[in-house]
Protein backbone atom coordinates (compact mmCIF):
# COMPACT_ATOMS: atom_id res chain seq x y z
CA MET A 1 80.00 51.25 113.33
CA PHE A 2 77.24 53.82 114.03
CA LEU A 3 79.97 56.50 115.00
CA LYS A 4 82.00 55.49 111.38
CA ALA A 5 78.59 56.07 109.38
CA ILE A 6 78.35 60.03 110.36
CA SER A 7 79.72 62.23 107.60
CA MET A 8 82.09 64.97 108.24
CA LYS A 9 79.15 67.41 107.00
CA GLU A 10 76.75 65.73 110.08
CA LYS A 11 79.38 66.30 112.80
CA GLU A 12 80.26 69.75 111.65
CA ARG A 13 76.28 70.28 112.46
CA ILE A 14 76.56 68.60 115.85
CA THR A 15 73.74 70.50 118.09
CA SER A 16 74.85 71.22 121.79
CA GLY A 17 72.01 72.68 123.86
CA GLY A 18 69.44 72.89 121.31
CA ILE A 19 71.93 75.59 119.10
CA PRO A 20 72.79 74.59 115.76
CA ARG A 21 76.86 75.18 115.33
CA GLY A 22 79.46 74.36 113.44
CA LEU A 23 81.09 75.41 109.47
CA GLY A 24 77.62 75.49 107.30
CA ARG A 25 77.95 74.09 104.31
CA ASP A 26 74.23 74.30 103.38
CA GLY A 27 71.98 77.49 102.77
CA LEU A 28 73.14 81.12 103.05
CA VAL A 29 77.57 81.80 102.70
CA LEU A 30 77.17 85.01 104.98
CA LEU A 31 75.65 82.40 107.41
CA SER A 32 77.95 79.89 107.76
CA TYR A 33 80.62 81.73 110.02
CA GLY A 34 80.05 84.04 112.81
CA PHE A 35 82.06 86.34 111.72
CA ARG A 36 81.06 86.85 108.01
CA PRO A 37 77.40 88.88 108.91
CA PHE A 38 78.82 91.12 111.26
CA TYR A 39 82.13 92.00 108.90
CA LEU A 40 79.81 92.72 106.30
CA GLY A 41 76.96 95.01 108.33
CA ALA A 42 79.39 96.88 110.50
CA PRO A 43 81.57 98.61 107.75
CA LEU A 44 78.14 98.57 105.78
CA TRP A 45 76.41 100.79 108.85
CA ALA A 46 79.77 102.52 109.28
CA ILE A 47 79.11 103.95 105.49
CA ALA A 48 75.28 104.56 106.44
CA THR A 49 76.08 106.02 109.65
CA ILE A 50 78.53 108.76 108.59
CA ALA A 51 76.64 109.59 104.99
CA ILE A 52 73.74 110.45 107.63
CA TRP A 53 75.61 112.54 109.71
CA ILE A 54 77.01 114.80 106.45
CA CYS A 55 73.80 115.08 105.69
CA ALA A 56 72.14 116.30 109.29
CA THR A 57 74.98 118.61 110.19
CA ASN A 58 74.40 120.20 106.81
CA GLY A 59 70.62 120.90 107.55
CA TRP A 60 69.66 118.09 104.53
CA LEU A 61 67.94 115.75 107.02
CA GLU A 62 66.72 115.35 110.80
CA VAL A 63 67.71 112.49 112.85
CA ALA A 64 66.78 111.45 116.08
CA GLU A 65 66.10 114.84 117.19
CA VAL A 66 64.77 113.45 120.67
CA TYR A 67 67.71 112.00 120.86
CA GLY A 68 70.11 114.23 120.14
CA GLN A 69 71.75 114.26 116.77
CA SER A 70 75.29 114.62 118.29
CA ALA A 71 74.42 111.75 121.09
CA TRP A 72 73.12 109.90 118.31
CA HIS A 73 76.63 109.82 115.92
CA ALA A 74 78.76 109.03 118.59
CA HIS A 75 76.43 106.15 119.85
CA GLU A 76 76.21 104.91 116.51
CA LEU A 77 80.21 104.39 116.07
CA LEU A 78 80.92 103.36 119.87
CA PHE A 79 77.72 101.35 120.36
CA GLY A 80 76.64 100.32 116.61
CA PHE A 81 79.14 100.00 114.48
CA MET A 82 82.12 98.83 116.96
CA PRO A 83 80.50 96.02 118.47
CA ALA A 84 79.49 94.73 115.40
CA VAL A 85 83.32 94.17 114.74
CA LEU A 86 83.49 93.16 118.11
CA VAL A 87 81.46 90.54 118.33
CA GLY A 88 82.40 89.22 114.68
CA TYR A 89 85.50 88.63 116.04
CA LEU A 90 84.60 87.10 118.94
CA MET A 91 82.56 85.13 116.87
CA THR A 92 86.45 83.69 115.55
CA THR A 93 88.09 83.37 118.66
CA VAL A 94 85.69 82.02 121.30
CA PRO A 95 85.33 78.93 119.44
CA ASN A 96 89.13 78.79 119.08
CA TRP A 97 89.61 79.08 122.76
CA THR A 98 86.86 76.90 123.85
CA GLY A 99 87.03 74.18 121.10
CA ARG A 100 83.23 74.35 120.54
CA PHE A 101 81.58 74.63 117.04
CA PRO A 102 81.16 77.89 115.72
CA LEU A 103 77.51 79.33 115.71
CA SER A 104 76.18 79.62 112.21
CA GLY A 105 72.47 79.38 110.31
CA ARG A 106 69.73 80.43 112.13
CA PRO A 107 70.74 81.21 115.19
CA LEU A 108 73.22 83.90 113.42
CA ALA A 109 70.42 85.22 111.20
CA GLY A 110 68.73 85.82 114.54
CA LEU A 111 71.77 87.56 116.43
CA ALA A 112 72.43 89.50 113.47
CA PHE A 113 68.12 90.85 113.23
CA ILE A 114 68.46 92.14 116.28
CA TRP A 115 71.74 93.83 115.72
CA ILE A 116 70.01 95.61 112.46
CA ALA A 117 66.92 96.31 114.60
CA GLY A 118 69.17 98.22 117.08
CA ARG A 119 70.05 100.69 114.13
CA ILE A 120 66.83 100.42 112.82
CA SER A 121 65.28 101.59 116.22
CA MET A 122 67.82 104.30 116.95
CA LEU A 123 66.66 106.25 113.81
CA MET A 124 62.86 106.29 115.03
CA VAL A 125 64.14 107.59 118.65
CA ALA A 126 61.11 109.31 120.01
CA GLU A 127 59.42 110.35 123.10
CA THR A 128 56.30 108.01 123.62
CA SER A 129 58.38 105.09 123.11
CA ALA A 130 61.84 105.62 123.82
CA PHE A 131 61.78 102.77 126.32
CA ILE A 132 61.02 100.08 123.71
CA THR A 133 63.22 101.60 121.10
CA LEU A 134 66.42 102.11 123.05
CA LEU A 135 65.88 98.40 124.93
CA ILE A 136 65.80 96.73 121.13
CA ASP A 137 69.42 98.79 120.97
CA TRP A 138 70.44 97.83 124.36
CA ILE A 139 70.23 94.34 124.32
CA PHE A 140 72.17 92.66 121.32
CA LEU A 141 75.41 93.09 123.67
CA PRO A 142 73.84 91.51 126.93
CA LEU A 143 72.59 88.56 124.54
CA PHE A 144 75.93 88.38 122.79
CA ALA A 145 77.44 88.74 126.58
CA TYR A 146 75.47 85.34 127.66
CA PHE A 147 76.15 83.35 124.70
CA CYS A 148 79.89 83.86 125.03
CA LEU A 149 79.82 83.02 129.01
CA ARG A 150 77.17 79.74 127.78
CA GLU A 151 80.33 78.94 125.53
CA VAL A 152 83.07 79.42 128.19
CA TRP A 153 81.53 77.56 130.90
CA VAL A 154 79.98 74.34 129.26
CA ALA A 155 83.92 74.35 127.34
CA ARG A 156 84.92 74.63 131.34
CA ARG A 157 87.27 77.31 130.15
CA ILE A 158 86.49 80.43 132.69
CA ALA A 159 89.63 81.83 131.92
CA ASP A 160 89.00 82.77 128.68
CA ALA A 161 86.23 84.62 130.31
CA LYS A 162 87.91 88.17 129.73
CA PRO A 163 85.62 89.09 127.04
CA ILE A 164 82.53 88.76 129.04
CA LEU A 165 83.49 91.32 131.14
CA CYS A 166 84.41 93.82 128.02
CA LEU A 167 80.89 93.39 126.19
CA THR A 168 79.25 93.41 130.22
CA SER A 169 80.99 97.17 130.55
CA LEU A 170 79.80 98.51 127.35
CA ALA A 171 76.45 97.10 127.71
CA LEU A 172 76.31 99.28 131.32
CA ILE A 173 78.19 102.15 129.99
CA ASN A 174 75.78 101.87 126.87
CA GLY A 175 73.06 102.31 129.29
CA GLY A 176 74.20 104.71 130.67
CA PHE A 177 74.39 106.53 127.14
CA HIS A 178 71.25 106.50 126.90
CA ILE A 179 69.88 107.58 130.42
CA VAL A 180 71.62 110.90 129.96
CA ALA A 181 71.13 111.33 126.07
CA MET A 182 66.86 110.95 126.61
CA ASN A 183 67.62 113.62 129.84
CA GLY A 184 69.67 115.98 127.65
CA GLY A 185 72.72 115.57 129.13
CA ASP A 186 76.26 115.80 128.42
CA VAL A 187 77.16 112.38 127.13
CA GLY A 188 81.06 112.87 126.96
CA ALA A 189 82.12 111.05 129.95
CA TRP A 190 79.97 108.19 129.11
CA ALA A 191 81.68 108.63 125.44
CA ARG A 192 84.99 108.55 126.88
CA ALA A 193 84.36 105.54 129.02
CA GLY A 194 82.92 103.06 125.56
CA LEU A 195 85.83 104.10 123.76
CA SER A 196 88.58 103.43 126.23
CA VAL A 197 86.93 99.94 126.53
CA TYR A 198 88.00 99.03 123.02
CA ILE A 199 91.35 101.02 124.18
CA LEU A 200 91.93 99.28 126.90
CA LEU A 201 90.93 95.64 124.31
CA ILE A 202 93.41 96.44 121.15
CA THR A 203 96.38 97.26 123.93
CA ALA A 204 95.47 93.69 125.70
CA THR A 205 95.03 91.67 122.34
CA THR A 206 97.71 93.27 120.22
CA SER A 207 100.17 92.42 122.67
CA LYS A 208 99.76 88.85 121.61
CA LEU A 209 98.18 89.54 117.78
CA ILE A 210 100.79 91.94 115.92
CA PRO A 211 103.85 89.61 116.84
CA SER A 212 102.27 86.62 115.91
CA PHE A 213 100.87 87.85 112.33
CA THR A 214 104.29 89.81 111.70
CA ASN A 215 106.11 86.98 112.44
CA ASN A 216 104.41 84.89 110.26
CA TRP A 217 104.68 87.15 108.03
CA LEU A 218 108.55 87.55 108.07
CA ALA A 219 108.99 83.74 108.12
CA GLN A 220 106.94 83.84 104.67
CA ALA A 221 109.16 86.24 103.66
CA GLY A 222 112.23 84.74 104.43
CA ARG A 223 113.51 86.97 107.19
CA SER A 224 113.87 86.67 110.94
CA ARG A 225 111.55 86.62 113.76
CA LEU A 226 110.33 89.11 116.14
CA ALA A 227 113.00 89.63 119.12
CA PRO A 228 110.37 87.93 121.80
CA THR A 229 107.80 89.78 123.64
CA SER A 230 108.51 91.25 126.97
CA ARG A 231 105.32 90.05 129.29
CA ILE A 232 106.97 92.84 131.88
CA ILE A 233 106.54 95.80 129.51
CA ASP A 234 103.11 94.75 128.50
CA ARG A 235 101.60 94.51 131.61
CA PHE A 236 103.46 97.93 132.09
CA VAL A 237 101.31 99.41 129.13
CA LEU A 238 98.29 97.72 130.02
CA ILE A 239 98.30 99.54 133.59
CA ALA A 240 99.66 102.83 132.41
CA THR A 241 96.47 102.63 129.39
CA PHE A 242 94.01 101.70 131.93
CA LEU A 243 94.93 104.38 134.44
CA ALA A 244 95.26 106.89 131.78
CA ALA A 245 92.03 106.00 129.89
CA MET A 246 89.98 105.74 133.57
CA ILE A 247 91.71 108.73 134.52
CA TRP A 248 90.71 110.97 131.03
CA THR A 249 86.75 109.40 131.41
CA PHE A 250 86.10 111.35 134.87
CA GLU A 251 88.30 114.51 134.16
CA PRO A 252 89.82 115.01 131.02
CA PHE A 253 91.64 118.12 131.88
CA GLY A 254 94.30 118.49 134.63
CA PRO A 255 97.73 117.65 135.06
CA LEU A 256 97.17 113.85 136.49
CA THR A 257 95.27 113.06 133.21
CA ALA A 258 97.91 114.26 131.02
CA ILE A 259 100.86 112.86 132.90
CA MET A 260 99.40 109.36 132.55
CA ALA A 261 98.31 109.70 129.15
CA LEU A 262 102.18 110.83 128.41
CA VAL A 263 103.91 107.96 130.63
CA ALA A 264 101.11 105.34 128.57
CA ALA A 265 101.70 106.93 125.07
CA SER A 266 105.76 106.37 125.98
CA LEU A 267 104.96 102.82 126.28
CA HIS A 268 103.18 101.93 123.27
CA LEU A 269 105.80 103.81 121.80
CA LEU A 270 108.28 101.58 122.91
CA ARG A 271 106.71 98.63 122.34
CA ALA A 272 105.61 99.84 118.82
CA ALA A 273 109.33 100.19 117.96
CA ARG A 274 110.21 96.19 119.14
CA TRP A 275 107.40 95.37 116.41
CA PHE A 276 108.42 97.73 113.76
CA ARG A 277 110.61 96.51 111.00
CA PRO A 278 110.57 98.12 107.22
CA ILE A 279 110.52 95.36 105.27
CA ILE A 280 106.70 94.74 106.78
CA LEU A 281 105.51 97.60 104.19
CA ARG A 282 105.13 95.68 101.82
CA SER A 283 102.37 93.56 103.01
CA SER A 284 99.01 95.99 103.69
CA MET A 285 97.54 94.47 106.19
CA ILE A 286 100.72 94.12 108.82
CA ALA A 287 101.41 97.73 107.82
CA ALA A 288 97.72 98.59 108.54
CA MET A 289 97.86 97.15 112.11
CA GLN A 290 100.90 98.64 112.90
CA VAL A 291 100.39 101.96 112.06
CA SER A 292 97.13 101.76 113.63
CA TYR A 293 98.41 100.89 116.71
CA GLY A 294 100.55 103.80 116.41
CA PHE A 295 97.99 105.79 116.57
CA MET A 296 97.25 104.33 119.70
CA ALA A 297 100.09 106.32 121.33
CA ILE A 298 99.50 109.52 119.19
CA GLY A 299 95.75 109.40 120.60
CA LEU A 300 97.91 109.09 124.00
CA LEU A 301 99.63 112.21 123.44
CA GLY A 302 96.14 114.08 122.29
CA ILE A 303 94.46 113.49 125.19
CA ALA A 304 98.02 114.96 126.96
CA ALA A 305 97.60 118.20 124.82
CA THR A 306 93.70 118.36 125.59
CA ALA A 307 94.49 118.15 129.07
CA PHE A 308 96.96 121.09 128.89
CA GLY A 309 94.61 123.14 126.85
CA MET A 310 96.36 122.62 123.41
CA LEU A 311 93.81 120.95 121.67
CA GLY A 312 90.18 120.87 121.81
CA PRO A 313 88.07 117.72 123.57
CA LEU A 314 87.44 115.98 120.83
CA ALA A 315 90.54 115.65 118.92
CA ALA A 316 92.13 112.84 121.37
CA ILE A 317 88.22 111.29 120.91
CA HIS A 318 88.72 111.65 116.91
CA LEU A 319 92.00 110.45 116.66
CA LEU A 320 91.61 107.09 119.10
CA ALA A 321 88.37 106.39 117.80
CA ILE A 322 89.35 106.42 114.14
CA ALA A 323 92.66 106.10 113.44
CA ALA A 324 93.60 103.89 116.37
CA VAL A 325 90.67 101.81 117.17
CA THR A 326 88.81 101.90 113.62
CA GLY A 327 92.49 101.32 111.71
CA MET A 328 92.78 98.27 114.40
CA MET A 329 89.46 97.12 113.45
CA LEU A 330 89.92 97.46 109.33
CA ALA A 331 93.33 96.00 109.65
CA ILE A 332 92.45 92.71 111.96
CA MET A 333 88.94 92.04 109.87
CA MET A 334 90.91 91.61 106.24
CA ARG A 335 93.42 89.49 108.20
CA SER A 336 90.83 87.37 109.62
CA ILE A 337 88.66 87.23 106.54
CA ARG A 338 91.39 85.55 104.62
CA LEU A 339 92.48 83.65 107.48
CA HIS A 340 88.87 82.27 107.67
CA THR A 341 87.97 81.99 103.81
CA GLY A 342 91.82 80.19 102.96
CA ARG A 343 92.88 82.67 101.16
CA ASN A 344 96.47 84.11 101.32
CA GLU A 345 97.29 87.75 101.11
CA LYS A 346 97.88 88.86 97.33
CA PHE A 347 98.20 93.00 96.42
CA SER A 348 95.14 94.57 96.50
CA TRP A 349 94.97 98.58 95.79
CA CYS A 350 91.80 98.41 97.99
CA GLN A 351 93.82 96.63 100.92
CA TRP A 352 96.53 99.44 100.45
CA LEU A 353 94.11 102.34 100.16
CA SER A 354 91.63 100.99 103.10
CA VAL A 355 93.56 102.32 105.94
CA PRO A 356 95.01 105.43 104.70
CA CYS A 357 91.96 106.84 103.79
CA LEU A 358 90.69 106.49 107.44
CA LEU A 359 94.04 108.34 108.55
CA ILE A 360 93.62 111.18 106.48
CA ALA A 361 89.95 111.23 107.34
CA ALA A 362 91.06 111.29 110.92
CA SER A 363 93.50 114.50 110.11
CA LEU A 364 90.94 116.42 108.51
CA ARG A 365 88.66 115.89 111.41
CA ILE A 366 90.92 117.19 113.59
CA THR A 367 92.18 119.90 111.50
CA ALA A 368 88.13 120.93 111.20
CA ASP A 369 88.77 122.32 115.05
CA PHE A 370 91.55 124.25 113.99
CA ILE A 371 90.12 126.04 111.64
CA PRO A 372 86.24 127.26 112.65
CA GLY A 373 85.25 129.48 109.70
CA HIS A 374 85.54 126.34 107.64
CA TYR A 375 84.07 123.40 110.07
CA ALA A 376 81.30 121.88 108.04
CA PRO A 377 83.89 121.52 104.31
CA PHE A 378 86.34 119.77 106.70
CA ILE A 379 83.81 117.87 108.12
CA ALA A 380 81.91 116.49 104.79
CA ALA A 381 85.65 115.83 103.98
CA SER A 382 86.79 113.95 106.43
CA GLY A 383 83.22 111.81 106.24
CA LEU A 384 84.07 111.49 102.66
CA PHE A 385 87.13 109.78 103.03
CA TRP A 386 86.09 107.65 106.28
CA ILE A 387 83.55 106.69 103.55
CA ALA A 388 86.04 105.76 100.68
CA ALA A 389 87.53 103.49 103.31
CA PHE A 390 84.86 101.44 104.06
CA VAL A 391 83.97 101.54 100.50
CA PHE A 392 87.80 99.92 99.37
CA PHE A 393 87.15 97.33 102.31
CA LEU A 394 83.66 95.86 100.51
CA GLY A 395 85.13 96.23 97.59
CA ASP A 396 87.89 93.89 98.45
CA ASN A 397 85.91 91.94 101.17
CA ALA A 398 82.31 91.88 100.60
CA GLY A 399 82.25 88.82 98.00
CA LEU A 400 84.74 87.16 100.32
CA LEU A 401 81.98 87.15 103.16
CA CYS A 402 78.82 86.54 101.02
CA HIS A 403 80.27 83.80 97.99
CA VAL A 404 83.57 82.24 99.35
CA GLN A 405 83.42 79.02 101.51
CA ARG A 406 86.22 77.30 102.68
CA GLN A 407 87.02 74.25 100.84
CA PRO A 408 88.55 71.90 103.72
CA GLY A 409 91.95 70.06 102.40
CA ARG A 410 91.41 72.25 99.16
CA GLN A 411 92.67 76.13 100.45
CA PRO A 412 94.92 76.69 103.44
CA SER A 413 93.30 76.45 106.65
CA PRO A 414 93.48 78.51 109.34
CA PRO A 415 95.50 77.29 112.34
CA THR A 416 93.68 74.92 115.50
CA ARG A 417 94.73 77.59 117.90
CA ILE A 418 96.14 80.80 118.01
CA ASN A 419 95.71 82.54 121.79
CA MET A 420 94.74 85.92 120.94
CA ARG A 421 93.98 86.79 124.74
């Protein structure tokens, strides 16, 4: 009788180990589900970071001089913006895998505050307080890794602990990045290592994510499903990408790097061809996912071209970081926000323009390396298109993140379990 008296709202707020969880119905909508503050904070910081970078490159602003402006720029994209998107994504998938309620309310606000404090601390790095300020930035990833480990351990889902390895790797690489940057060293290898983690994570995740979302859309459009995915191809793609990324991290030049990058790019193109159908261009989100994934292969070809001396050392990094990784993150965020707010996909100019602006930003950034005499204008133009991409994203999604609460029984609910591992 007592159990029957518990309302659904109270059931959703059951605590586990003293940490409130559930789909919060009280308080700020922004803190009602773990992905919301990070899917809002990440694009806002992406805009702020590049705006600051444009001002710094033109001499209008001095930022993180002790750390190094270029190192700060790379760090804040690889270990500031991208981890926020990753954490937001895992805030939806970890409860999905473990069957436990998601984090919400004050604990979620505390985690978001630590991420924000890290961004502020990186703007205030000084020799006298470097250890404290860098520690504030560094602690975010280990803390969230601990939360994920606790969830899978309590739920006895140790097989779902793979994301913890990615979070731990990023935390270790972030620490190495800090040490090298503060000693005035070359952070290139650490930047390539951090980017490689995202490349491998996307390579593994998209093997199920893109076919699943594409098939769902094709079914709604009354079209036949994609051919079943090949696990053999998926394994070869992951292994080849892992080898190419590891070799590239430690030795960006040379024939071995070029060969492995070409092999990995060919396998990515083969897999992308199996997923693509012209009709998916009618869906801005599915098209964005598949086009961004296509740039994974283009970025790997860029690594091969760099290894042969045909491109500058930063070209492949920007192709992969902007077009492939960030493009995929934007597409996944757009899809995830609608999935978890109970909103169906509908035509929106903001959706259609967001990822194309990002691809233009990547193209302009690569072009800047080929025209040294006009480097600064191309960098500024690239940055403005980057900013436009996230302004369009926020124009379409900020309201959903801050104000729209999914109402059970009135709007479409997310599937009970989507395997995105």
